[in-house]
Amino acid sequence: MSRLGPRDATSPLERERSASIRLAAERLAAFVGSTADGVEAAARAAEAALRGAVSSGAGVERVSAELELSPRALRAIVDGSVRLRSLHPDARLRPS
């Protein structure tokens, strides 16, 4: 009998995808909580993490579902047609 326990059924690729989604969630939360001093860097980091999560193979539908973002908004952020900073919850931190 093996002492290693049950075999982990999650593939390395799936673990990588899940990790990229978690990173995107963390970066998105940091962006939402950002202040004037760090909003631009937080927006860039979150945009990069969102692109990374989608390009990991997880896809727009899964990433949007796990992050509770609309697929349309996520696509717009990932393709660069909408800057994340323009969506900041604090209107004072949005670009003018």
PDB file of N, CA and C in Angstrom:
ATOM      1  N   MET A   1       0.840  -1.176   0.000  1.00  0.00           N
ATOM      2  CA  MET A   1       0.000   0.000   0.000  1.00  0.00           C
ATOM      3  C   MET A   1       0.888   1.244   0.000  1.00  0.00           C
ATOM      4  N   SER A   2       0.573   2.178  -0.840  1.00  0.00           N
ATOM      5  CA  SER A   2       1.360   3.402  -0.967  1.00  0.00           C
ATOM      6  C   SER A   2       1.073   4.364   0.173  1.00  0.00           C
ATOM      7  N   ARG A   3       2.112   5.026   0.644  1.00  0.00           N
ATOM      8  CA  ARG A   3       1.953   6.023   1.702  1.00  0.00           C
ATOM      9  C   ARG A   3       1.832   7.435   1.127  1.00  0.00           C
ATOM     10  N   LEU A   4       1.786   7.535  -0.172  1.00  0.00           N
ATOM     11  CA  LEU A   4       1.721   8.843  -0.812  1.00  0.00           C
ATOM     12  C   LEU A   4       0.318   9.431  -0.801  1.00  0.00           C
ATOM     13  N   GLY A   5      -0.671   8.655  -0.489  1.00  0.00           N
ATOM     14  CA  GLY A   5      -2.035   9.164  -0.474  1.00  0.00           C
ATOM     15  C   GLY A   5      -2.643   9.126  -1.859  1.00  0.00           C
ATOM     16  N   PRO A   6      -3.850   9.648  -1.971  1.00  0.00           N
ATOM     17  CA  PRO A   6      -4.508   9.614  -3.275  1.00  0.00           C
ATOM     18  C   PRO A   6      -3.742  10.455  -4.292  1.00  0.00           C
ATOM     19  N   ARG A   7      -3.742   9.981  -5.509  1.00  0.00           N
ATOM     20  CA  ARG A   7      -3.028  10.683  -6.569  1.00  0.00           C
ATOM     21  C   ARG A   7      -3.757  11.988  -6.901  1.00  0.00           C
ATOM     22  N   ASP A   8      -2.998  13.048  -7.050  1.00  0.00           N
ATOM     23  CA  ASP A   8      -3.563  14.337  -7.419  1.00  0.00           C
ATOM     24  C   ASP A   8      -4.007  14.258  -8.873  1.00  0.00           C
ATOM     25  N   ALA A   9      -5.306  14.420  -9.100  1.00  0.00           N
ATOM     26  CA  ALA A   9      -5.860  14.294 -10.441  1.00  0.00           C
ATOM     27  C   ALA A   9      -5.729  15.593 -11.247  1.00  0.00           C
ATOM     28  N   THR A  10      -5.310  16.654 -10.605  1.00  0.00           N
ATOM     29  CA  THR A  10      -5.180  17.926 -11.289  1.00  0.00           C
ATOM     30  C   THR A  10      -3.865  17.969 -12.059  1.00  0.00           C
ATOM     31  N   SER A  11      -3.966  18.267 -13.342  1.00  0.00           N
ATOM     32  CA  SER A  11      -2.774  18.311 -14.173  1.00  0.00           C
ATOM     33  C   SER A  11      -1.962  19.566 -13.876  1.00  0.00           C
ATOM     34  N   PRO A  12      -0.683  19.532 -14.192  1.00  0.00           N
ATOM     35  CA  PRO A  12       0.144  20.730 -14.011  1.00  0.00           C
ATOM     36  C   PRO A  12      -0.397  21.922 -14.797  1.00  0.00           C
ATOM     37  N   LEU A  13      -0.919  21.682 -15.978  1.00  0.00           N
ATOM     38  CA  LEU A  13      -1.474  22.760 -16.787  1.00  0.00           C
ATOM     39  C   LEU A  13      -2.698  23.378 -16.105  1.00  0.00           C
ATOM     40  N   GLU A  14      -3.539  22.548 -15.528  1.00  0.00           N
ATOM     41  CA  GLU A  14      -4.718  23.055 -14.829  1.00  0.00           C
ATOM     42  C   GLU A  14      -4.311  23.830 -13.578  1.00  0.00           C
ATOM     43  N   ARG A  15      -3.289  23.361 -12.872  1.00  0.00           N
ATOM     44  CA  ARG A  15      -2.808  24.104 -11.696  1.00  0.00           C
ATOM     45  C   ARG A  15      -2.269  25.469 -12.122  1.00  0.00           C
ATOM     46  N   GLU A  16      -1.570  25.510 -13.268  1.00  0.00           N
ATOM     47  CA  GLU A  16      -1.042  26.779 -13.784  1.00  0.00           C
ATOM     48  C   GLU A  16      -2.185  27.731 -14.142  1.00  0.00           C
ATOM     49  N   ARG A  17      -3.215  27.204 -14.782  1.00  0.00           N
ATOM     50  CA  ARG A  17      -4.370  28.045 -15.127  1.00  0.00           C
ATOM     51  C   ARG A  17      -5.039  28.593 -13.883  1.00  0.00           C
ATOM     52  N   SER A  18      -5.246  27.730 -12.903  1.00  0.00           N
ATOM     53  CA  SER A  18      -5.881  28.171 -11.652  1.00  0.00           C
ATOM     54  C   SER A  18      -5.030  29.220 -10.952  1.00  0.00           C
ATOM     55  N   ALA A  19      -3.727  29.021 -10.962  1.00  0.00           N
ATOM     56  CA  ALA A  19      -2.827  29.993 -10.330  1.00  0.00           C
ATOM     57  C   ALA A  19      -2.880  31.336 -11.058  1.00  0.00           C
ATOM     58  N   SER A  20      -2.972  31.310 -12.376  1.00  0.00           N
ATOM     59  CA  SER A  20      -3.028  32.565 -13.123  1.00  0.00           C
ATOM     60  C   SER A  20      -4.340  33.296 -12.851  1.00  0.00           C
ATOM     61  N   ILE A  21      -5.416  32.574 -12.642  1.00  0.00           N
ATOM     62  CA  ILE A  21      -6.692  33.204 -12.302  1.00  0.00           C
ATOM     63  C   ILE A  21      -6.633  33.787 -10.898  1.00  0.00           C
ATOM     64  N   ARG A  22      -6.014  33.065  -9.962  1.00  0.00           N
ATOM     65  CA  ARG A  22      -5.858  33.600  -8.592  1.00  0.00           C
ATOM     66  C   ARG A  22      -5.023  34.872  -8.610  1.00  0.00           C
ATOM     67  N   LEU A  23      -3.938  34.882  -9.389  1.00  0.00           N
ATOM     68  CA  LEU A  23      -3.110  36.074  -9.494  1.00  0.00           C
ATOM     69  C   LEU A  23      -3.919  37.233 -10.067  1.00  0.00           C
ATOM     70  N   ALA A  24      -4.709  36.970 -11.084  1.00  0.00           N
ATOM     71  CA  ALA A  24      -5.550  38.015 -11.663  1.00  0.00           C
ATOM     72  C   ALA A  24      -6.535  38.550 -10.621  1.00  0.00           C
ATOM     73  N   ALA A  25      -7.099  37.670  -9.826  1.00  0.00           N
ATOM     74  CA  ALA A  25      -8.035  38.102  -8.774  1.00  0.00           C
ATOM     75  C   ALA A  25      -7.329  38.986  -7.749  1.00  0.00           C
ATOM     76  N   GLU A  26      -6.116  38.589  -7.368  1.00  0.00           N
ATOM     77  CA  GLU A  26      -5.348  39.386  -6.400  1.00  0.00           C
ATOM     78  C   GLU A  26      -4.999  40.753  -6.966  1.00  0.00           C
ATOM     79  N   ARG A  27      -4.548  40.784  -8.217  1.00  0.00           N
ATOM     80  CA  ARG A  27      -4.164  42.051  -8.846  1.00  0.00           C
ATOM     81  C   ARG A  27      -5.383  42.945  -9.075  1.00  0.00           C
ATOM     82  N   LEU A  28      -6.513  42.334  -9.411  1.00  0.00           N
ATOM     83  CA  LEU A  28      -7.735  43.103  -9.607  1.00  0.00           C
ATOM     84  C   LEU A  28      -8.201  43.698  -8.278  1.00  0.00           C
ATOM     85  N   ALA A  29      -8.114  42.931  -7.214  1.00  0.00           N
ATOM     86  CA  ALA A  29      -8.480  43.442  -5.884  1.00  0.00           C
ATOM     87  C   ALA A  29      -7.549  44.579  -5.464  1.00  0.00           C
ATOM     88  N   ALA A  30      -6.269  44.447  -5.762  1.00  0.00           N
ATOM     89  CA  ALA A  30      -5.318  45.521  -5.440  1.00  0.00           C
ATOM     90  C   ALA A  30      -5.650  46.785  -6.228  1.00  0.00           C
ATOM     91  N   PHE A  31      -6.045  46.613  -7.478  1.00  0.00           N
ATOM     92  CA  PHE A  31      -6.443  47.761  -8.290  1.00  0.00           C
ATOM     93  C   PHE A  31      -7.667  48.449  -7.695  1.00  0.00           C
ATOM     94  N   VAL A  32      -8.679  47.675  -7.345  1.00  0.00           N
ATOM     95  CA  VAL A  32      -9.913  48.239  -6.788  1.00  0.00           C
ATOM     96  C   VAL A  32      -9.616  49.003  -5.498  1.00  0.00           C
ATOM     97  N   GLY A  33      -8.679  48.518  -4.706  1.00  0.00           N
ATOM     98  CA  GLY A  33      -8.326  49.180  -3.451  1.00  0.00           C
ATOM     99  C   GLY A  33      -7.224  50.212  -3.579  1.00  0.00           C
ATOM    100  N   SER A  34      -6.778  50.473  -4.791  1.00  0.00           N
ATOM    101  CA  SER A  34      -5.642  51.375  -4.981  1.00  0.00           C
ATOM    102  C   SER A  34      -6.005  52.831  -4.687  1.00  0.00           C
ATOM    103  N   THR A  35      -4.963  53.589  -4.412  1.00  0.00           N
ATOM    104  CA  THR A  35      -5.103  55.022  -4.160  1.00  0.00           C
ATOM    105  C   THR A  35      -4.446  55.779  -5.309  1.00  0.00           C
ATOM    106  N   ALA A  36      -4.534  57.092  -5.255  1.00  0.00           N
ATOM    107  CA  ALA A  36      -3.986  57.924  -6.334  1.00  0.00           C
ATOM    108  C   ALA A  36      -2.512  57.629  -6.579  1.00  0.00           C
ATOM    109  N   ASP A  37      -1.757  57.345  -5.531  1.00  0.00           N
ATOM    110  CA  ASP A  37      -0.321  57.095  -5.673  1.00  0.00           C
ATOM    111  C   ASP A  37       0.002  55.832  -6.457  1.00  0.00           C
ATOM    112  N   GLY A  38      -0.857  54.834  -6.385  1.00  0.00           N
ATOM    113  CA  GLY A  38      -0.526  53.562  -7.012  1.00  0.00           C
ATOM    114  C   GLY A  38      -1.513  53.070  -8.048  1.00  0.00           C
ATOM    115  N   VAL A  39      -2.486  53.899  -8.405  1.00  0.00           N
ATOM    116  CA  VAL A  39      -3.553  53.413  -9.283  1.00  0.00           C
ATOM    117  C   VAL A  39      -3.046  53.018 -10.667  1.00  0.00           C
ATOM    118  N   GLU A  40      -2.133  53.766 -11.234  1.00  0.00           N
ATOM    119  CA  GLU A  40      -1.663  53.450 -12.587  1.00  0.00           C
ATOM    120  C   GLU A  40      -0.898  52.129 -12.603  1.00  0.00           C
ATOM    121  N   ALA A  41      -0.003  51.943 -11.653  1.00  0.00           N
ATOM    122  CA  ALA A  41       0.758  50.691 -11.580  1.00  0.00           C
ATOM    123  C   ALA A  41      -0.168  49.514 -11.279  1.00  0.00           C
ATOM    124  N   ALA A  42      -1.144  49.723 -10.399  1.00  0.00           N
ATOM    125  CA  ALA A  42      -2.085  48.651 -10.070  1.00  0.00           C
ATOM    126  C   ALA A  42      -2.931  48.287 -11.283  1.00  0.00           C
ATOM    127  N   ALA A  43      -3.328  49.274 -12.062  1.00  0.00           N
ATOM    128  CA  ALA A  43      -4.121  49.011 -13.266  1.00  0.00           C
ATOM    129  C   ALA A  43      -3.298  48.210 -14.276  1.00  0.00           C
ATOM    130  N   ARG A  44      -2.062  48.612 -14.496  1.00  0.00           N
ATOM    131  CA  ARG A  44      -1.199  47.889 -15.446  1.00  0.00           C
ATOM    132  C   ARG A  44      -0.969  46.453 -14.990  1.00  0.00           C
ATOM    133  N   ALA A  45      -0.721  46.266 -13.699  1.00  0.00           N
ATOM    134  CA  ALA A  45      -0.481  44.924 -13.172  1.00  0.00           C
ATOM    135  C   ALA A  45      -1.729  44.049 -13.308  1.00  0.00           C
ATOM    136  N   ALA A  46      -2.884  44.619 -13.034  1.00  0.00           N
ATOM    137  CA  ALA A  46      -4.132  43.863 -13.155  1.00  0.00           C
ATOM    138  C   ALA A  46      -4.426  43.523 -14.611  1.00  0.00           C
ATOM    139  N   GLU A  47      -4.208  44.480 -15.514  1.00  0.00           N
ATOM    140  CA  GLU A  47      -4.418  44.200 -16.943  1.00  0.00           C
ATOM    141  C   GLU A  47      -3.512  43.070 -17.413  1.00  0.00           C
ATOM    142  N   ALA A  48      -2.253  43.111 -17.014  1.00  0.00           N
ATOM    143  CA  ALA A  48      -1.303  42.056 -17.410  1.00  0.00           C
ATOM    144  C   ALA A  48      -1.731  40.704 -16.837  1.00  0.00           C
ATOM    145  N   ALA A  49      -2.184  40.693 -15.593  1.00  0.00           N
ATOM    146  CA  ALA A  49      -2.612  39.439 -14.970  1.00  0.00           C
ATOM    147  C   ALA A  49      -3.874  38.901 -15.638  1.00  0.00           C
ATOM    148  N   LEU A  50      -4.784  39.778 -16.021  1.00  0.00           N
ATOM    149  CA  LEU A  50      -5.994  39.339 -16.727  1.00  0.00           C
ATOM    150  C   LEU A  50      -5.632  38.734 -18.089  1.00  0.00           C
ATOM    151  N   ARG A  51      -4.733  39.394 -18.805  1.00  0.00           N
ATOM    152  CA  ARG A  51      -4.285  38.849 -20.094  1.00  0.00           C
ATOM    153  C   ARG A  51      -3.610  37.494 -19.884  1.00  0.00           C
ATOM    154  N   GLY A  52      -2.796  37.388 -18.845  1.00  0.00           N
ATOM    155  CA  GLY A  52      -2.119  36.127 -18.554  1.00  0.00           C
ATOM    156  C   GLY A  52      -3.085  35.007 -18.225  1.00  0.00           C
ATOM    157  N   ALA A  53      -4.122  35.327 -17.467  1.00  0.00           N
ATOM    158  CA  ALA A  53      -5.108  34.304 -17.112  1.00  0.00           C
ATOM    159  C   ALA A  53      -5.838  33.796 -18.343  1.00  0.00           C
ATOM    160  N   VAL A  54      -6.232  34.724 -19.217  1.00  0.00           N
ATOM    161  CA  VAL A  54      -6.941  34.313 -20.437  1.00  0.00           C
ATOM    162  C   VAL A  54      -6.010  33.531 -21.358  1.00  0.00           C
ATOM    163  N   SER A  55      -4.786  34.005 -21.509  1.00  0.00           N
ATOM    164  CA  SER A  55      -3.861  33.335 -22.428  1.00  0.00           C
ATOM    165  C   SER A  55      -3.298  32.031 -21.867  1.00  0.00           C
ATOM    166  N   SER A  56      -3.538  31.756 -20.606  1.00  0.00           N
ATOM    167  CA  SER A  56      -3.085  30.486 -20.025  1.00  0.00           C
ATOM    168  C   SER A  56      -3.860  29.300 -20.579  1.00  0.00           C
ATOM    169  N   GLY A  57      -4.922  29.609 -21.277  1.00  0.00           N
ATOM    170  CA  GLY A  57      -5.771  28.549 -21.809  1.00  0.00           C
ATOM    171  C   GLY A  57      -7.065  28.417 -21.031  1.00  0.00           C
ATOM    172  N   ALA A  58      -7.192  29.205 -19.964  1.00  0.00           N
ATOM    173  CA  ALA A  58      -8.420  29.153 -19.180  1.00  0.00           C
ATOM    174  C   ALA A  58      -9.592  29.721 -19.973  1.00  0.00           C
ATOM    175  N   GLY A  59      -9.320  30.695 -20.823  1.00  0.00           N
ATOM    176  CA  GLY A  59     -10.362  31.263 -21.663  1.00  0.00           C
ATOM    177  C   GLY A  59     -11.159  32.348 -20.982  1.00  0.00           C
ATOM    178  N   VAL A  60     -11.770  33.170 -21.802  1.00  0.00           N
ATOM    179  CA  VAL A  60     -12.527  34.327 -21.315  1.00  0.00           C
ATOM    180  C   VAL A  60     -13.709  33.897 -20.450  1.00  0.00           C
ATOM    181  N   GLU A  61     -14.437  32.892 -20.870  1.00  0.00           N
ATOM    182  CA  GLU A  61     -15.635  32.483 -20.119  1.00  0.00           C
ATOM    183  C   GLU A  61     -15.297  32.035 -18.699  1.00  0.00           C
ATOM    184  N   ARG A  62     -14.292  31.213 -18.560  1.00  0.00           N
ATOM    185  CA  ARG A  62     -13.920  30.722 -17.225  1.00  0.00           C
ATOM    186  C   ARG A  62     -13.378  31.852 -16.359  1.00  0.00           C
ATOM    187  N   VAL A  63     -12.465  32.651 -16.919  1.00  0.00           N
ATOM    188  CA  VAL A  63     -11.874  33.744 -16.139  1.00  0.00           C
ATOM    189  C   VAL A  63     -12.954  34.726 -15.718  1.00  0.00           C
ATOM    190  N   SER A  64     -13.826  35.087 -16.635  1.00  0.00           N
ATOM    191  CA  SER A  64     -14.876  36.042 -16.287  1.00  0.00           C
ATOM    192  C   SER A  64     -15.798  35.473 -15.211  1.00  0.00           C
ATOM    193  N   ALA A  65     -16.114  34.206 -15.286  1.00  0.00           N
ATOM    194  CA  ALA A  65     -16.976  33.586 -14.276  1.00  0.00           C
ATOM    195  C   ALA A  65     -16.300  33.561 -12.909  1.00  0.00           C
ATOM    196  N   GLU A  66     -15.035  33.168 -12.872  1.00  0.00           N
ATOM    197  CA  GLU A  66     -14.343  33.063 -11.591  1.00  0.00           C
ATOM    198  C   GLU A  66     -14.062  34.430 -10.964  1.00  0.00           C
ATOM    199  N   LEU A  67     -13.905  35.455 -11.807  1.00  0.00           N
ATOM    200  CA  LEU A  67     -13.628  36.798 -11.285  1.00  0.00           C
ATOM    201  C   LEU A  67     -14.879  37.660 -11.194  1.00  0.00           C
ATOM    202  N   GLU A  68     -16.005  37.090 -11.610  1.00  0.00           N
ATOM    203  CA  GLU A  68     -17.279  37.793 -11.594  1.00  0.00           C
ATOM    204  C   GLU A  68     -17.224  39.091 -12.403  1.00  0.00           C
ATOM    205  N   LEU A  69     -16.657  38.971 -13.601  1.00  0.00           N
ATOM    206  CA  LEU A  69     -16.617  40.059 -14.577  1.00  0.00           C
ATOM    207  C   LEU A  69     -17.436  39.617 -15.775  1.00  0.00           C
ATOM    208  N   SER A  70     -18.023  40.560 -16.458  1.00  0.00           N
ATOM    209  CA  SER A  70     -18.733  40.158 -17.673  1.00  0.00           C
ATOM    210  C   SER A  70     -17.702  39.757 -18.723  1.00  0.00           C
ATOM    211  N   PRO A  71     -18.021  38.737 -19.523  1.00  0.00           N
ATOM    212  CA  PRO A  71     -17.094  38.341 -20.589  1.00  0.00           C
ATOM    213  C   PRO A  71     -16.797  39.510 -21.538  1.00  0.00           C
ATOM    214  N   ARG A  72     -17.784  40.316 -21.804  1.00  0.00           N
ATOM    215  CA  ARG A  72     -17.594  41.462 -22.713  1.00  0.00           C
ATOM    216  C   ARG A  72     -16.584  42.450 -22.133  1.00  0.00           C
ATOM    217  N   ALA A  73     -16.719  42.765 -20.849  1.00  0.00           N
ATOM    218  CA  ALA A  73     -15.783  43.698 -20.210  1.00  0.00           C
ATOM    219  C   ALA A  73     -14.375  43.100 -20.176  1.00  0.00           C
ATOM    220  N   LEU A  74     -14.273  41.822 -19.850  1.00  0.00           N
ATOM    221  CA  LEU A  74     -12.968  41.174 -19.801  1.00  0.00           C
ATOM    222  C   LEU A  74     -12.307  41.199 -21.179  1.00  0.00           C
ATOM    223  N   ARG A  75     -13.058  40.880 -22.211  1.00  0.00           N
ATOM    224  CA  ARG A  75     -12.497  40.919 -23.573  1.00  0.00           C
ATOM    225  C   ARG A  75     -11.985  42.315 -23.911  1.00  0.00           C
ATOM    226  N   ALA A  76     -12.759  43.339 -23.556  1.00  0.00           N
ATOM    227  CA  ALA A  76     -12.367  44.714 -23.858  1.00  0.00           C
ATOM    228  C   ALA A  76     -11.091  45.108 -23.125  1.00  0.00           C
ATOM    229  N   ILE A  77     -10.942  44.661 -21.888  1.00  0.00           N
ATOM    230  CA  ILE A  77      -9.729  44.958 -21.113  1.00  0.00           C
ATOM    231  C   ILE A  77      -8.541  44.198 -21.701  1.00  0.00           C
ATOM    232  N   VAL A  78      -8.736  42.927 -21.989  1.00  0.00           N
ATOM    233  CA  VAL A  78      -7.656  42.086 -22.495  1.00  0.00           C
ATOM    234  C   VAL A  78      -7.180  42.553 -23.870  1.00  0.00           C
ATOM    235  N   ASP A  79      -8.107  42.961 -24.734  1.00  0.00           N
ATOM    236  CA  ASP A  79      -7.674  43.395 -26.067  1.00  0.00           C
ATOM    237  C   ASP A  79      -7.220  44.855 -26.097  1.00  0.00           C
ATOM    238  N   GLY A  80      -7.354  45.551 -24.972  1.00  0.00           N
ATOM    239  CA  GLY A  80      -6.847  46.915 -24.869  1.00  0.00           C
ATOM    240  C   GLY A  80      -7.790  47.998 -25.339  1.00  0.00           C
ATOM    241  N   SER A  81      -9.012  47.632 -25.733  1.00  0.00           N
ATOM    242  CA  SER A  81      -9.943  48.663 -26.197  1.00  0.00           C
ATOM    243  C   SER A  81     -10.529  49.467 -25.043  1.00  0.00           C
ATOM    244  N   VAL A  82     -10.453  48.938 -23.832  1.00  0.00           N
ATOM    245  CA  VAL A  82     -10.869  49.659 -22.624  1.00  0.00           C
ATOM    246  C   VAL A  82      -9.750  49.556 -21.618  1.00  0.00           C
ATOM    247  N   ARG A  83      -9.310  50.687 -21.110  1.00  0.00           N
ATOM    248  CA  ARG A  83      -8.296  50.692 -20.049  1.00  0.00           C
ATOM    249  C   ARG A  83      -8.976  50.412 -18.717  1.00  0.00           C
ATOM    250  N   LEU A  84      -8.404  49.532 -17.946  1.00  0.00           N
ATOM    251  CA  LEU A  84      -8.981  49.172 -16.658  1.00  0.00           C
ATOM    252  C   LEU A  84      -9.142  50.392 -15.765  1.00  0.00           C
ATOM    253  N   ARG A  85      -8.180  51.280 -15.820  1.00  0.00           N
ATOM    254  CA  ARG A  85      -8.250  52.460 -14.953  1.00  0.00           C
ATOM    255  C   ARG A  85      -9.533  53.259 -15.195  1.00  0.00           C
ATOM    256  N   SER A  86     -10.047  53.252 -16.400  1.00  0.00           N
ATOM    257  CA  SER A  86     -11.280  53.988 -16.692  1.00  0.00           C
ATOM    258  C   SER A  86     -12.495  53.383 -15.991  1.00  0.00           C
ATOM    259  N   LEU A  87     -12.324  52.199 -15.419  1.00  0.00           N
ATOM    260  CA  LEU A  87     -13.404  51.517 -14.716  1.00  0.00           C
ATOM    261  C   LEU A  87     -13.239  51.547 -13.197  1.00  0.00           C
ATOM    262  N   HIS A  88     -12.261  52.309 -12.701  1.00  0.00           N
ATOM    263  CA  HIS A  88     -12.005  52.335 -11.256  1.00  0.00           C
ATOM    264  C   HIS A  88     -13.268  52.744 -10.513  1.00  0.00           C
ATOM    265  N   PRO A  89     -13.572  52.088  -9.396  1.00  0.00           N
ATOM    266  CA  PRO A  89     -14.796  52.424  -8.652  1.00  0.00           C
ATOM    267  C   PRO A  89     -14.790  53.847  -8.065  1.00  0.00           C
ATOM    268  N   ASP A  90     -13.626  54.416  -7.856  1.00  0.00           N
ATOM    269  CA  ASP A  90     -13.520  55.793  -7.369  1.00  0.00           C
ATOM    270  C   ASP A  90     -13.358  56.697  -8.583  1.00  0.00           C
ATOM    271  N   ALA A  91     -14.387  57.412  -8.927  1.00  0.00           N
ATOM    272  CA  ALA A  91     -14.378  58.256 -10.137  1.00  0.00           C
ATOM    273  C   ALA A  91     -13.236  59.250 -10.144  1.00  0.00           C
ATOM    274  N   ARG A  92     -12.763  59.652  -8.974  1.00  0.00           N
ATOM    275  CA  ARG A  92     -11.632  60.606  -8.907  1.00  0.00           C
ATOM    276  C   ARG A  92     -10.347  59.996  -9.436  1.00  0.00           C
ATOM    277  N   LEU A  93     -10.252  58.675  -9.461  1.00  0.00           N
ATOM    278  CA  LEU A  93      -9.037  57.998  -9.906  1.00  0.00           C
ATOM    279  C   LEU A  93      -9.091  57.571 -11.367  1.00  0.00           C
ATOM    280  N   ARG A  94     -10.204  57.855 -12.015  1.00  0.00           N
ATOM    281  CA  ARG A  94     -10.313  57.547 -13.448  1.00  0.00           C
ATOM    282  C   ARG A  94      -9.597  58.642 -14.223  1.00  0.00           C
ATOM    283  N   PRO A  95      -9.038  58.298 -15.375  1.00  0.00           N
ATOM    284  CA  PRO A  95      -8.394  59.347 -16.181  1.00  0.00           C
ATOM    285  C   PRO A  95      -9.418  60.365 -16.657  1.00  0.00           C
ATOM    286  N   SER A  96      -8.974  61.598 -16.784  1.00  0.00           N
ATOM    287  CA  SER A  96      -9.926  62.624 -17.229  1.00  0.00           C
ATOM    288  C   SER A  96      -9.856  62.865 -18.700  1.00  0.00           C
TER     289      SER A  96
END
